[in-house]
Protein backbone atom coordinates (compact mmCIF):
# COMPACT_ATOMS: atom_id res chain seq x y z
CA MET A 1 0.00 0.00 0.00
CA ALA A 2 1.23 3.49 -0.84
CA LYS A 3 2.25 5.73 2.03
CA LEU A 4 -0.37 8.09 3.39
CA ARG A 5 0.62 11.62 2.37
CA LEU A 6 0.12 14.07 5.26
CA ALA A 7 0.66 17.84 5.21
CA TYR A 8 0.96 19.94 8.35
CA LEU A 9 0.27 23.69 8.38
CA VAL A 10 1.30 25.91 11.31
CA THR A 11 2.07 29.61 11.63
CA HIS A 12 5.77 29.20 12.54
CA PRO A 13 8.36 26.72 13.85
CA ILE A 14 7.55 26.04 17.52
CA PRO A 15 10.27 24.56 19.75
CA TYR A 16 8.11 22.07 21.66
CA GLN A 17 6.54 20.78 18.42
CA ALA A 18 9.77 20.01 16.58
CA PRO A 19 10.45 16.64 18.27
CA LEU A 20 6.87 15.53 17.56
CA LEU A 21 7.19 16.50 13.90
CA ARG A 22 10.39 14.46 13.69
CA LEU A 23 8.57 11.48 15.20
CA VAL A 24 5.75 11.71 12.65
CA ALA A 25 8.31 11.97 9.84
CA GLN A 26 9.88 8.69 11.03
CA GLN A 27 6.67 6.70 10.52
CA PRO A 28 7.25 4.20 7.71
CA ASP A 29 3.68 4.44 6.39
CA ILE A 30 3.40 8.27 6.38
CA GLU A 31 4.98 10.72 3.94
CA PHE A 32 5.06 13.93 5.92
CA SER A 33 5.55 17.55 4.84
CA VAL A 34 5.42 20.66 7.05
CA PHE A 35 4.46 24.16 5.90
CA PHE A 36 5.08 27.38 7.85
CA GLY A 37 3.53 30.79 7.35
CA THR A 38 6.69 32.48 8.70
CA ASP A 39 10.06 31.28 9.97
CA PHE A 40 10.96 34.19 12.28
CA THR A 41 11.65 31.84 15.21
CA THR A 42 14.59 30.30 13.37
CA ARG A 43 16.49 33.60 13.71
CA PRO A 44 17.32 35.77 16.76
CA PHE A 45 14.43 38.06 17.67
CA VAL A 46 13.62 40.49 20.45
CA ALA A 47 10.68 39.53 22.67
CA GLY A 48 8.55 42.60 23.32
CA ASP A 49 7.61 41.78 26.92
CA PHE A 50 11.11 42.17 28.31
CA LYS A 51 13.34 43.32 25.40
CA GLN A 52 15.26 40.05 25.59
CA THR A 53 16.91 38.67 22.46
CA ILE A 54 15.69 35.11 21.98
CA VAL A 55 17.79 32.51 20.20
CA TRP A 56 16.31 29.04 20.45
CA ASP A 57 19.08 26.64 21.42
CA VAL A 58 17.19 23.53 20.30
CA PRO A 59 16.89 22.36 16.66
CA LEU A 60 13.66 23.59 15.05
CA LEU A 61 13.86 22.33 11.47
CA GLU A 62 15.89 19.12 11.66
CA GLY A 63 14.50 15.66 10.94
CA TYR A 64 11.51 16.47 8.74
CA THR A 65 10.73 18.09 5.39
CA SER A 66 9.53 21.69 5.67
CA LYS A 67 8.85 24.76 3.58
CA THR A 68 8.06 28.37 4.45
CA LEU A 69 5.24 29.70 2.29
CA LYS A 70 5.43 32.98 0.40
CA ARG A 71 3.83 35.97 2.05
CA LEU A 72 1.06 38.35 1.00
CA ASP A 73 1.48 40.59 4.04
CA PRO A 74 4.72 42.56 4.64
CA GLN A 75 7.28 40.81 6.79
CA PRO A 76 8.47 42.70 9.88
CA PRO A 77 12.10 43.86 10.04
CA PRO A 78 14.65 41.17 10.96
CA GLY A 79 15.07 40.57 14.67
CA ILE A 80 11.54 41.60 15.65
CA LEU A 81 9.00 39.34 17.35
CA GLU A 82 6.37 38.92 14.64
CA PRO A 83 2.79 39.58 15.79
CA LEU A 84 0.54 36.68 14.86
CA GLY A 85 -3.21 36.95 14.44
CA LEU A 86 -6.13 36.70 12.06
CA TRP A 87 -4.26 38.32 9.17
CA ARG A 88 -0.68 37.42 10.12
CA PRO A 89 1.07 35.57 8.70
CA LEU A 90 -0.89 35.82 5.44
CA SER A 91 0.60 33.29 3.09
CA ARG A 92 -0.05 32.35 -0.52
CA GLY A 93 0.51 29.37 -2.74
CA PHE A 94 -0.69 26.62 -0.42
CA ALA A 95 -3.30 25.33 -2.88
CA ALA A 96 -0.50 24.72 -5.36
CA GLU A 97 1.42 22.83 -2.66
CA LEU A 98 -1.61 20.58 -2.10
CA ASP A 99 -1.74 19.83 -5.81
CA ALA A 100 1.98 19.18 -6.09
CA GLY A 101 2.09 16.97 -3.01
CA LYS A 102 -1.06 14.97 -3.81
CA PHE A 103 -1.82 14.89 -0.10
CA ASP A 104 -4.42 12.62 1.46
CA ALA A 105 -4.83 14.65 4.65
CA LEU A 106 -4.05 18.11 6.00
CA TRP A 107 -3.36 18.68 9.70
CA ILE A 108 -3.80 22.32 10.70
CA HIS A 109 -2.64 23.85 13.99
CA GLY A 110 -4.82 26.82 14.96
CA TYR A 111 -8.11 27.96 13.47
CA ALA A 112 -7.85 31.71 14.13
CA HIS A 113 -5.86 32.56 10.98
CA ALA A 114 -7.24 33.57 7.59
CA SER A 115 -4.55 31.58 5.76
CA HIS A 116 -5.63 28.46 7.62
CA TRP A 117 -9.26 28.99 6.63
CA ALA A 118 -8.17 29.31 2.99
CA ALA A 119 -6.13 26.12 3.38
CA MET A 120 -9.19 24.25 4.71
CA LEU A 121 -11.26 25.40 1.72
CA SER A 122 -8.51 24.40 -0.70
CA ALA A 123 -8.24 20.98 0.93
CA LYS A 124 -11.98 20.28 0.87
CA LYS A 125 -12.16 21.34 -2.79
CA ARG A 126 -9.54 18.69 -3.56
CA GLY A 127 -11.02 15.94 -1.40
CA VAL A 128 -8.19 16.20 1.15
CA LYS A 129 -9.28 15.29 4.69
CA VAL A 130 -8.73 18.01 7.31
CA LEU A 131 -7.60 17.49 10.91
CA LEU A 132 -7.68 20.48 13.26
CA ARG A 133 -5.75 21.06 16.49
CA ASP A 134 -6.17 24.20 18.58
CA GLU A 135 -5.68 25.40 22.17
CA ALA A 136 -9.10 26.90 22.89
CA HIS A 137 -11.24 25.94 25.87
CA ALA A 138 -14.02 27.54 27.90
CA ILE A 139 -11.68 29.37 30.29
CA SER A 140 -8.93 30.31 27.80
CA ALA A 141 -10.62 33.64 26.98
CA THR A 142 -13.43 35.80 28.31
CA ARG A 143 -16.43 35.65 25.97
CA SER A 144 -19.56 37.78 26.17
CA PRO A 145 -22.95 36.21 25.32
CA ALA A 146 -22.77 37.85 21.89
CA LYS A 147 -19.32 36.37 21.28
CA ARG A 148 -20.54 32.92 22.31
CA VAL A 149 -23.41 33.15 19.81
CA ALA A 150 -20.98 34.26 17.12
CA LYS A 151 -18.58 31.44 18.03
CA ARG A 152 -21.36 28.88 17.75
CA ALA A 153 -22.20 30.16 14.26
CA PHE A 154 -18.49 30.05 13.40
CA PHE A 155 -18.24 26.43 14.51
CA GLU A 156 -21.23 25.46 12.37
CA MET A 157 -19.23 26.70 9.37
CA LEU A 158 -15.99 25.20 10.66
CA LYS A 159 -17.52 21.74 10.98
CA ARG A 160 -18.16 21.72 7.23
CA GLY A 161 -14.44 22.00 6.60
CA VAL A 162 -13.00 19.78 9.35
CA ASP A 163 -13.15 15.98 9.39
CA ALA A 164 -11.52 15.33 12.78
CA TYR A 165 -10.49 17.38 15.81
CA LEU A 166 -7.31 16.73 17.80
CA ALA A 167 -7.91 17.59 21.46
CA ILE A 168 -4.93 18.78 23.50
CA GLY A 169 -6.62 17.93 26.82
CA SER A 170 -9.94 17.41 28.59
CA LEU A 171 -10.96 21.09 28.58
CA ASN A 172 -10.25 21.36 24.87
CA ARG A 173 -12.31 18.23 24.19
CA ALA A 174 -15.20 19.64 26.23
CA TYR A 175 -14.92 22.91 24.29
CA TYR A 176 -15.38 21.14 20.95
CA ARG A 177 -18.26 19.10 22.31
CA GLY A 178 -19.87 22.26 23.66
CA TYR A 179 -19.97 23.67 20.14
CA GLY A 180 -21.62 20.59 18.71
CA VAL A 181 -18.67 18.49 17.54
CA ALA A 182 -19.49 14.79 17.78
CA ASP A 183 -17.38 12.90 20.31
CA ALA A 184 -16.57 10.29 17.65
CA ASP A 185 -14.78 13.00 15.65
CA ILE A 186 -12.51 14.09 18.53
CA PHE A 187 -9.17 12.37 19.16
CA THR A 188 -6.79 13.00 22.03
CA VAL A 189 -3.44 14.37 20.83
CA PRO A 190 -2.27 15.88 24.13
CA TYR A 191 -0.12 18.95 24.51
CA ALA A 192 3.19 17.35 25.33
CA VAL A 193 6.88 18.19 25.45
CA ASP A 194 10.00 16.13 24.92
CA ASN A 195 9.71 14.38 28.29
CA ASP A 196 12.83 12.29 27.75
CA ARG A 197 15.02 15.31 27.05
CA PHE A 198 13.84 17.29 30.08
CA ALA A 199 14.09 14.25 32.34
CA ALA A 200 17.58 13.39 31.12
CA GLN A 201 18.88 16.95 31.41
CA ALA A 202 17.40 17.36 34.90
CA ALA A 203 19.00 14.06 35.95
CA LYS A 204 22.32 15.28 34.53
CA ALA A 205 22.01 18.47 36.58
CA ALA A 206 21.12 16.65 39.83
CA PRO A 207 24.72 15.94 40.97
CA MET A 208 25.42 19.70 40.73
CA ARG A 209 22.30 20.73 42.64
CA ASP A 210 24.07 21.50 45.91
CA ALA A 211 26.73 23.50 44.10
CA PHE A 212 24.02 25.41 42.23
CA LYS A 213 22.32 26.16 45.55
CA ARG A 214 25.58 27.45 46.98
CA THR A 215 26.02 29.86 44.07
CA LEU A 216 22.54 31.21 44.88
CA GLY A 217 23.22 31.40 48.60
CA ILE A 218 20.60 28.75 49.43
CA ALA A 219 21.55 26.56 52.38
CA PRO A 220 21.14 22.77 52.14
CA GLY A 221 17.75 21.57 53.34
CA ARG A 222 15.86 24.75 52.42
CA PRO A 223 12.95 23.85 50.10
CA VAL A 224 12.84 25.75 46.82
CA VAL A 225 9.57 27.08 45.38
CA LEU A 226 10.02 27.80 41.66
CA PHE A 227 8.20 30.19 39.33
CA CYS A 228 9.24 29.97 35.67
CA ALA A 229 7.50 32.30 33.21
CA LYS A 230 7.50 35.87 31.97
CA LEU A 231 7.20 38.42 34.74
CA ILE A 232 3.98 39.90 33.40
CA GLU A 233 0.58 40.46 34.97
CA ARG A 234 -1.17 37.55 33.23
CA LYS A 235 1.28 35.09 34.82
CA ARG A 236 0.55 36.56 38.32
CA PRO A 237 4.09 36.54 39.79
CA GLY A 238 2.98 39.21 42.26
CA LEU A 239 0.21 36.96 43.54
CA LEU A 240 2.76 34.23 44.22
CA MET A 241 5.06 36.71 45.98
CA ARG A 242 2.24 37.82 48.30
CA ALA A 243 1.09 34.26 49.02
CA PHE A 244 4.67 33.20 49.71
CA ALA A 245 5.09 36.12 52.11
CA ARG A 246 2.20 34.71 54.18
CA ILE A 247 3.97 31.41 54.82
CA ALA A 248 7.69 32.20 54.45
CA LYS A 249 8.33 32.69 58.19
CA ASP A 250 6.38 29.64 59.35
CA PRO A 251 8.97 27.63 61.32
CA ALA A 252 7.27 24.38 60.35
CA LEU A 253 8.05 24.93 56.65
CA ARG A 254 11.87 24.68 56.88
CA ASP A 255 12.67 28.24 55.74
CA PRO A 256 11.60 28.03 52.07
CA VAL A 257 13.09 30.21 49.33
CA LEU A 258 11.19 31.50 46.31
CA VAL A 259 13.06 31.47 42.99
CA PHE A 260 11.86 33.43 39.95
CA VAL A 261 13.15 32.27 36.54
CA GLY A 262 12.18 34.65 33.74
CA ASP A 263 12.14 38.34 33.09
CA GLY A 264 9.64 41.05 32.25
CA PRO A 265 8.22 44.46 33.10
CA GLN A 266 7.18 43.48 36.64
CA ARG A 267 10.66 42.53 37.78
CA GLY A 268 11.41 45.87 39.45
CA GLU A 269 8.29 45.88 41.61
CA LEU A 270 8.78 42.21 42.46
CA GLU A 271 12.32 42.91 43.63
CA ALA A 272 10.99 45.72 45.81
CA GLU A 273 8.46 43.35 47.38
CA ALA A 274 11.15 40.70 47.86
CA ALA A 275 13.31 43.17 49.77
CA LYS A 276 10.56 43.49 52.38
CA LEU A 277 10.90 39.76 53.10
CA GLY A 278 14.59 40.13 53.86
CA PRO A 279 17.71 39.46 51.81
CA ASP A 280 17.50 35.67 51.94
CA ALA A 281 13.91 34.80 50.97
CA VAL A 282 13.73 35.35 47.20
CA ARG A 283 16.07 34.90 44.23
CA PHE A 284 15.76 36.25 40.66
CA LEU A 285 17.63 34.23 38.02
CA GLY A 286 16.44 36.10 34.92
CA PHE A 287 15.79 34.62 31.48
CA LYS A 288 17.03 31.08 30.82
CA THR A 289 17.29 29.20 27.53
CA GLN A 290 15.69 25.83 26.84
CA ASN A 291 18.92 24.04 27.64
CA GLU A 292 19.40 25.98 30.89
CA LEU A 293 15.91 25.34 32.23
CA PRO A 294 16.29 21.67 33.32
CA ALA A 295 18.88 22.63 35.96
CA CYS A 296 16.39 25.17 37.33
CA TYR A 297 13.68 22.50 37.40
CA ASP A 298 16.03 20.12 39.23
CA LEU A 299 16.72 22.85 41.79
CA ALA A 300 13.04 23.05 42.74
CA ASP A 301 11.09 21.08 45.30
CA LEU A 302 7.78 22.64 44.28
CA PHE A 303 6.71 24.47 41.13
CA VAL A 304 3.92 27.07 40.97
CA LEU A 305 2.16 28.46 37.90
CA PRO A 306 -0.38 30.99 39.25
CA SER A 307 -1.52 32.49 35.91
CA GLY A 308 -4.80 34.33 35.61
CA GLN A 309 -5.34 32.81 32.18
CA GLU A 310 -3.38 30.13 30.34
CA ALA A 311 -4.48 28.13 27.32
CA TRP A 312 -2.26 25.26 28.48
CA GLY A 313 1.03 25.94 30.29
CA LEU A 314 3.68 23.60 28.86
CA VAL A 315 6.13 24.57 31.58
CA VAL A 316 4.03 22.34 33.85
CA ASN A 317 4.82 19.37 31.58
CA GLU A 318 8.51 20.24 31.64
CA VAL A 319 8.72 20.47 35.42
CA MET A 320 6.79 17.24 35.86
CA SER A 321 9.28 15.51 33.54
CA ALA A 322 11.92 16.52 36.09
CA GLY A 323 9.84 14.84 38.81
CA LYS A 324 8.53 17.85 40.72
CA ALA A 325 5.28 18.58 42.57
CA VAL A 326 3.13 21.31 41.01
CA ILE A 327 0.58 23.94 42.01
CA CYS A 328 -1.62 25.49 39.32
CA SER A 329 -4.42 28.02 39.29
CA ASP A 330 -7.77 26.76 38.05
CA SER A 331 -7.47 29.02 34.98
CA ILE A 332 -4.65 26.94 33.50
CA GLY A 333 -5.65 24.57 30.71
CA ALA A 334 -3.21 21.88 31.84
CA ALA A 335 -4.46 21.79 35.42
CA PRO A 336 -7.34 19.25 35.14
CA ASP A 337 -5.15 16.74 33.30
CA LEU A 338 -1.76 17.19 34.96
CA ALA A 339 -2.16 18.63 38.48
CA VAL A 340 -4.04 16.11 40.61
CA PRO A 341 -4.78 17.39 44.13
CA GLY A 342 -3.44 15.05 46.77
CA ASP A 343 -1.47 13.02 44.24
CA ASN A 344 1.15 15.20 42.57
CA GLY A 345 0.08 18.71 43.48
CA ALA A 346 -2.72 21.18 44.07
CA ILE A 347 -5.10 23.49 42.19
CA PHE A 348 -6.05 26.81 43.78
CA ARG A 349 -8.77 29.33 42.96
CA THR A 350 -7.53 31.93 40.49
CA ASP A 351 -6.40 35.19 42.12
CA ASP A 352 -7.16 33.82 45.60
CA GLU A 353 -4.04 34.72 47.55
CA ALA A 354 -5.16 32.92 50.71
CA ASP A 355 -5.98 29.73 48.81
CA LEU A 356 -2.55 29.74 47.16
CA ALA A 357 -0.87 30.35 50.53
CA ARG A 358 -2.81 27.42 51.98
CA ALA A 359 -1.66 25.14 49.13
CA LEU A 360 1.96 26.26 49.59
CA GLY A 361 1.84 25.61 53.30
CA ASP A 362 0.19 22.19 52.93
CA MET A 363 2.75 20.96 50.43
CA LEU A 364 5.87 22.44 52.02
CA ALA A 365 5.01 21.01 55.44
CA SER A 366 6.38 17.55 54.62
CA GLU A 367 9.62 16.84 52.79
CA ALA A 368 8.56 13.22 52.28
CA LYS A 369 5.18 14.27 50.89
CA LEU A 370 6.82 16.64 48.39
CA ALA A 371 9.18 13.92 47.21
CA ALA A 372 6.30 11.46 46.77
CA MET A 373 4.33 14.04 44.80
CA GLY A 374 7.35 14.60 42.58
CA ARG A 375 7.50 10.89 41.79
CA ALA A 376 3.76 10.95 41.04
CA SER A 377 4.31 13.87 38.65
CA LYS A 378 6.94 11.90 36.76
CA ALA A 379 4.70 8.84 36.51
CA ARG A 380 1.76 10.92 35.28
CA ILE A 381 3.69 12.88 32.64
CA ASP A 382 5.28 9.70 31.32
CA ARG A 383 1.76 8.80 30.14
CA TRP A 384 1.24 12.25 28.59
CA SER A 385 3.84 12.18 25.86
CA PHE A 386 4.61 12.22 22.16
CA ALA A 387 3.75 8.52 22.08
CA GLU A 388 0.16 9.40 22.99
CA ASP A 389 0.26 12.20 20.39
CA LEU A 390 1.30 9.80 17.67
CA ALA A 391 -1.33 7.26 18.70
CA GLY A 392 -4.09 9.91 18.63
CA LEU A 393 -2.95 11.25 15.27
CA ARG A 394 -2.94 7.77 13.75
CA GLN A 395 -6.41 7.07 15.16
CA ALA A 396 -7.71 10.30 13.61
CA LEU A 397 -6.16 9.46 10.23
CA ALA A 398 -7.62 5.94 10.34
CA HIS A 399 -11.01 7.49 11.14
CA VAL A 400 -11.05 9.88 8.17
CA LEU A 401 -9.22 7.54 5.76
CA PRO A 402 -10.42 4.01 6.62
CA GLY A 403 -8.06 1.29 5.52
CA ARG A 404 -5.21 3.65 4.66
CA ILE A 405 -3.30 3.47 7.95
CA ALA A 406 -3.20 1.26 11.02
CA PRO A 407 -4.47 3.09 14.14
């Protein structure tokens, strides 16, 4: 039987996706081609939130066939973070790529782009099956009643162009079902990271953990609470600082230290708040690259992502791969699937400082409990991996193209 020819369309090269794309390309019964609307992430660019030059230190384009489409909209100057949205990037020529590639199926990542809508129409016109993956869920954005009505009408049109939906998690699946998508047309392709790489790099860093602590002035035995994200309002670093201040002096909690990894416009005010807790309570490590992060994850005993709104939160996956307990707000898309209260972590009410302080205190109270939760995190994330992604993708392809591929 001839190989199934699969095209993948996404706005730009995304670091966490690259290993998955390489895995799909290795399948002996799939001929796989990737198309990007822009390739700005393959070059150094300045991130607007904290004026930091980003250079991804992981391979983005290796191990699979890819092409960047020609643009209709003007490209931003080199070195600038490209704004993405409904009309950006606006590519052309994809219909010709479908014809040239004689594809059986098109997998699209993200439905909120005009170029992706055009690609769906081109695919349906040619009898190419369409698979859609997106991040949206009921709490990923605030929607007025009018917007919900409009979204329902939009989904009625979308369903005419999509043959199968690839759900990144339980909230995303519920979102599709809420807009009338049949459960039989939804397949779990979870948001995952390269678990093996993060686990291996964290394990490699473990023998240097005490030395790393010494460089930060953290005494042995002090538990480390880690925040790793941009220092911006949506991520709520200030909320974590205030909740930590409530429990930091509790003698039963073994003198914890709060470590911020990341940078952003709120750093100055956070440092001012940290000074009120004394010189030894908080550390700021600044921006870290992908290859530097695992050592930071290994340093932690407990990770907290307190965001006010988060479509997923892949940093939770990364930290769990390093075997760490986690606390998430209930506005984080990953929380229902990855943070299990009493097993590997806790979920607190969004923007509830007292509830977050309670969760911190409960989990820091027992060193043995934290360690057990870390092991539970590792066991859970091992079952939320690229292997599950590949299985879900194959099931979706077998559903829309019966007999063409083994699920």
